Amino acid sequence: MSKDAVITFDAAFKLKSDSEKSLNNKAVSLLNLNKPEEAIKELEKAIKLSPNNPTLLNNKAVTLIDLKR
């Protein structure tokens, strides 16, 4: 994925600001761009919207493991 994907997911989130899917997709794009710290921020926003979403929780856990936190 590219920076274009991040921009696209930003636009999608602005259209539907309660979309944890857009935030998750942006986080995955950021991970692919080797920006895990930024990805964590997006995942935390998504988790606030959907705190029991297993995909979001898993993505955050995997990212934290990669960051060795």
N, C-alpha and C. Protein backbone atom coordinates (compact mmCIF):
# COMPACT_ATOMS: atom_id res chain seq x y z
N MET A 1 0.85 -1.18 0.00
CA MET A 1 0.00 0.00 0.00
C MET A 1 0.89 1.24 0.00
N SER A 2 0.29 2.33 -0.35
CA SER A 2 1.08 3.54 -0.49
C SER A 2 0.50 4.69 0.32
N LYS A 3 1.16 5.82 0.19
CA LYS A 3 0.65 7.02 0.83
C LYS A 3 -0.74 7.36 0.30
N ASP A 4 -0.99 7.02 -0.96
CA ASP A 4 -2.32 7.27 -1.54
C ASP A 4 -3.40 6.52 -0.77
N ALA A 5 -3.09 5.33 -0.30
CA ALA A 5 -4.06 4.56 0.47
C ALA A 5 -4.37 5.27 1.78
N VAL A 6 -3.35 5.80 2.43
CA VAL A 6 -3.57 6.53 3.68
C VAL A 6 -4.47 7.73 3.44
N ILE A 7 -4.22 8.45 2.37
CA ILE A 7 -5.04 9.62 2.02
C ILE A 7 -6.48 9.20 1.76
N THR A 8 -6.66 8.10 1.06
CA THR A 8 -8.00 7.60 0.76
C THR A 8 -8.75 7.23 2.03
N PHE A 9 -8.08 6.56 2.97
CA PHE A 9 -8.75 6.18 4.21
C PHE A 9 -9.04 7.40 5.08
N ASP A 10 -8.18 8.41 5.02
CA ASP A 10 -8.47 9.67 5.72
C ASP A 10 -9.76 10.28 5.18
N ALA A 11 -9.89 10.31 3.86
CA ALA A 11 -11.09 10.88 3.24
C ALA A 11 -12.33 10.08 3.63
N ALA A 12 -12.21 8.76 3.65
CA ALA A 12 -13.35 7.91 4.03
C ALA A 12 -13.76 8.19 5.47
N PHE A 13 -12.78 8.37 6.34
CA PHE A 13 -13.09 8.64 7.74
C PHE A 13 -13.79 9.99 7.89
N LYS A 14 -13.39 10.97 7.11
CA LYS A 14 -14.03 12.29 7.18
C LYS A 14 -15.49 12.21 6.75
N LEU A 15 -15.78 11.33 5.79
CA LEU A 15 -17.16 11.16 5.34
C LEU A 15 -18.01 10.42 6.37
N LYS A 16 -17.40 9.49 7.06
CA LYS A 16 -18.11 8.68 8.05
C LYS A 16 -17.19 8.52 9.26
N SER A 17 -17.25 9.50 10.15
CA SER A 17 -16.28 9.57 11.25
C SER A 17 -16.46 8.50 12.31
N ASP A 18 -17.49 7.68 12.19
CA ASP A 18 -17.65 6.58 13.14
C ASP A 18 -17.23 5.25 12.52
N SER A 19 -16.35 5.32 11.55
CA SER A 19 -15.95 4.12 10.84
C SER A 19 -14.64 3.55 11.37
N GLU A 20 -14.76 2.56 12.24
CA GLU A 20 -13.56 1.91 12.73
C GLU A 20 -12.85 1.15 11.62
N LYS A 21 -13.61 0.75 10.59
CA LYS A 21 -12.99 0.05 9.46
C LYS A 21 -12.02 0.96 8.71
N SER A 22 -12.42 2.21 8.49
CA SER A 22 -11.53 3.15 7.82
C SER A 22 -10.26 3.38 8.64
N LEU A 23 -10.43 3.52 9.94
CA LEU A 23 -9.27 3.73 10.80
C LEU A 23 -8.36 2.51 10.81
N ASN A 24 -8.95 1.33 10.84
CA ASN A 24 -8.16 0.10 10.80
C ASN A 24 -7.40 -0.01 9.48
N ASN A 25 -8.10 0.26 8.39
CA ASN A 25 -7.44 0.19 7.08
C ASN A 25 -6.31 1.20 6.97
N LYS A 26 -6.51 2.38 7.53
CA LYS A 26 -5.45 3.38 7.52
C LYS A 26 -4.27 2.88 8.34
N ALA A 27 -4.55 2.28 9.50
CA ALA A 27 -3.48 1.75 10.34
C ALA A 27 -2.68 0.68 9.62
N VAL A 28 -3.36 -0.21 8.93
CA VAL A 28 -2.67 -1.25 8.17
C VAL A 28 -1.80 -0.62 7.08
N SER A 29 -2.31 0.40 6.42
CA SER A 29 -1.53 1.11 5.40
C SER A 29 -0.29 1.75 6.02
N LEU A 30 -0.47 2.34 7.19
CA LEU A 30 0.68 2.96 7.87
C LEU A 30 1.71 1.90 8.26
N LEU A 31 1.25 0.74 8.69
CA LEU A 31 2.18 -0.34 9.01
C LEU A 31 2.97 -0.75 7.77
N ASN A 32 2.29 -0.82 6.64
CA ASN A 32 2.97 -1.18 5.39
C ASN A 32 3.97 -0.12 4.96
N LEU A 33 3.78 1.11 5.43
CA LEU A 33 4.72 2.19 5.15
C LEU A 33 5.78 2.30 6.25
N ASN A 34 5.81 1.30 7.15
CA ASN A 34 6.77 1.24 8.25
C ASN A 34 6.61 2.44 9.20
N LYS A 35 5.35 2.71 9.55
CA LYS A 35 5.03 3.79 10.49
C LYS A 35 4.16 3.23 11.62
N PRO A 36 4.74 2.33 12.42
CA PRO A 36 3.94 1.67 13.46
C PRO A 36 3.42 2.61 14.54
N GLU A 37 4.18 3.63 14.89
CA GLU A 37 3.71 4.57 15.93
C GLU A 37 2.43 5.28 15.48
N GLU A 38 2.39 5.68 14.21
CA GLU A 38 1.19 6.33 13.67
C GLU A 38 0.04 5.32 13.58
N ALA A 39 0.37 4.09 13.24
CA ALA A 39 -0.65 3.04 13.15
C ALA A 39 -1.32 2.81 14.50
N ILE A 40 -0.53 2.79 15.56
CA ILE A 40 -1.07 2.59 16.91
C ILE A 40 -2.09 3.68 17.23
N LYS A 41 -1.78 4.91 16.88
CA LYS A 41 -2.70 6.03 17.16
C LYS A 41 -4.04 5.81 16.46
N GLU A 42 -3.99 5.36 15.22
CA GLU A 42 -5.23 5.12 14.46
C GLU A 42 -5.99 3.95 15.05
N LEU A 43 -5.27 2.91 15.45
CA LEU A 43 -5.93 1.76 16.06
C LEU A 43 -6.58 2.13 17.38
N GLU A 44 -5.94 2.98 18.15
CA GLU A 44 -6.53 3.41 19.42
C GLU A 44 -7.82 4.20 19.19
N LYS A 45 -7.84 5.03 18.15
CA LYS A 45 -9.08 5.75 17.80
C LYS A 45 -10.18 4.75 17.43
N ALA A 46 -9.81 3.75 16.63
CA ALA A 46 -10.79 2.75 16.19
C ALA A 46 -11.32 1.95 17.37
N ILE A 47 -10.44 1.61 18.29
CA ILE A 47 -10.84 0.82 19.46
C ILE A 47 -11.80 1.61 20.35
N LYS A 48 -11.64 2.91 20.40
CA LYS A 48 -12.59 3.73 21.16
C LYS A 48 -14.00 3.63 20.56
N LEU A 49 -14.06 3.49 19.24
CA LEU A 49 -15.36 3.37 18.55
C LEU A 49 -15.94 1.97 18.67
N SER A 50 -15.08 0.99 18.74
CA SER A 50 -15.52 -0.40 18.77
C SER A 50 -14.60 -1.20 19.70
N PRO A 51 -14.77 -1.04 21.02
CA PRO A 51 -13.81 -1.59 21.98
C PRO A 51 -13.69 -3.11 22.03
N ASN A 52 -14.67 -3.81 21.53
CA ASN A 52 -14.63 -5.28 21.58
C ASN A 52 -14.36 -5.91 20.22
N ASN A 53 -13.92 -5.11 19.27
CA ASN A 53 -13.67 -5.62 17.92
C ASN A 53 -12.37 -6.43 17.92
N PRO A 54 -12.46 -7.74 17.70
CA PRO A 54 -11.27 -8.58 17.79
C PRO A 54 -10.20 -8.25 16.74
N THR A 55 -10.60 -7.81 15.58
CA THR A 55 -9.62 -7.46 14.55
C THR A 55 -8.78 -6.27 14.99
N LEU A 56 -9.45 -5.26 15.53
CA LEU A 56 -8.73 -4.07 16.00
C LEU A 56 -7.78 -4.42 17.14
N LEU A 57 -8.29 -5.19 18.09
CA LEU A 57 -7.48 -5.57 19.24
C LEU A 57 -6.28 -6.41 18.81
N ASN A 58 -6.50 -7.31 17.86
CA ASN A 58 -5.41 -8.14 17.35
C ASN A 58 -4.37 -7.28 16.63
N ASN A 59 -4.84 -6.37 15.78
CA ASN A 59 -3.90 -5.53 15.03
C ASN A 59 -3.06 -4.67 15.98
N LYS A 60 -3.68 -4.16 17.02
CA LYS A 60 -2.93 -3.37 17.99
C LYS A 60 -1.92 -4.25 18.71
N ALA A 61 -2.33 -5.44 19.14
CA ALA A 61 -1.43 -6.35 19.85
C ALA A 61 -0.22 -6.72 18.98
N VAL A 62 -0.47 -7.06 17.74
CA VAL A 62 0.61 -7.44 16.83
C VAL A 62 1.57 -6.27 16.63
N THR A 63 1.01 -5.08 16.49
CA THR A 63 1.85 -3.89 16.31
C THR A 63 2.69 -3.62 17.55
N LEU A 64 2.08 -3.75 18.72
CA LEU A 64 2.84 -3.54 19.97
C LEU A 64 3.94 -4.58 20.12
N ILE A 65 3.66 -5.80 19.73
CA ILE A 65 4.70 -6.86 19.78
C ILE A 65 5.84 -6.48 18.83
N ASP A 66 5.51 -6.03 17.64
CA ASP A 66 6.54 -5.62 16.68
C ASP A 66 7.38 -4.47 17.23
N LEU A 67 6.74 -3.58 18.00
CA LEU A 67 7.46 -2.46 18.60
C LEU A 67 8.18 -2.86 19.90
N LYS A 68 7.96 -4.13 20.31
CA LYS A 68 8.55 -4.68 21.53
C LYS A 68 8.11 -3.92 22.78
N ARG A 69 6.81 -3.61 22.82
CA ARG A 69 6.26 -2.94 24.02
C ARG A 69 5.55 -3.96 24.87
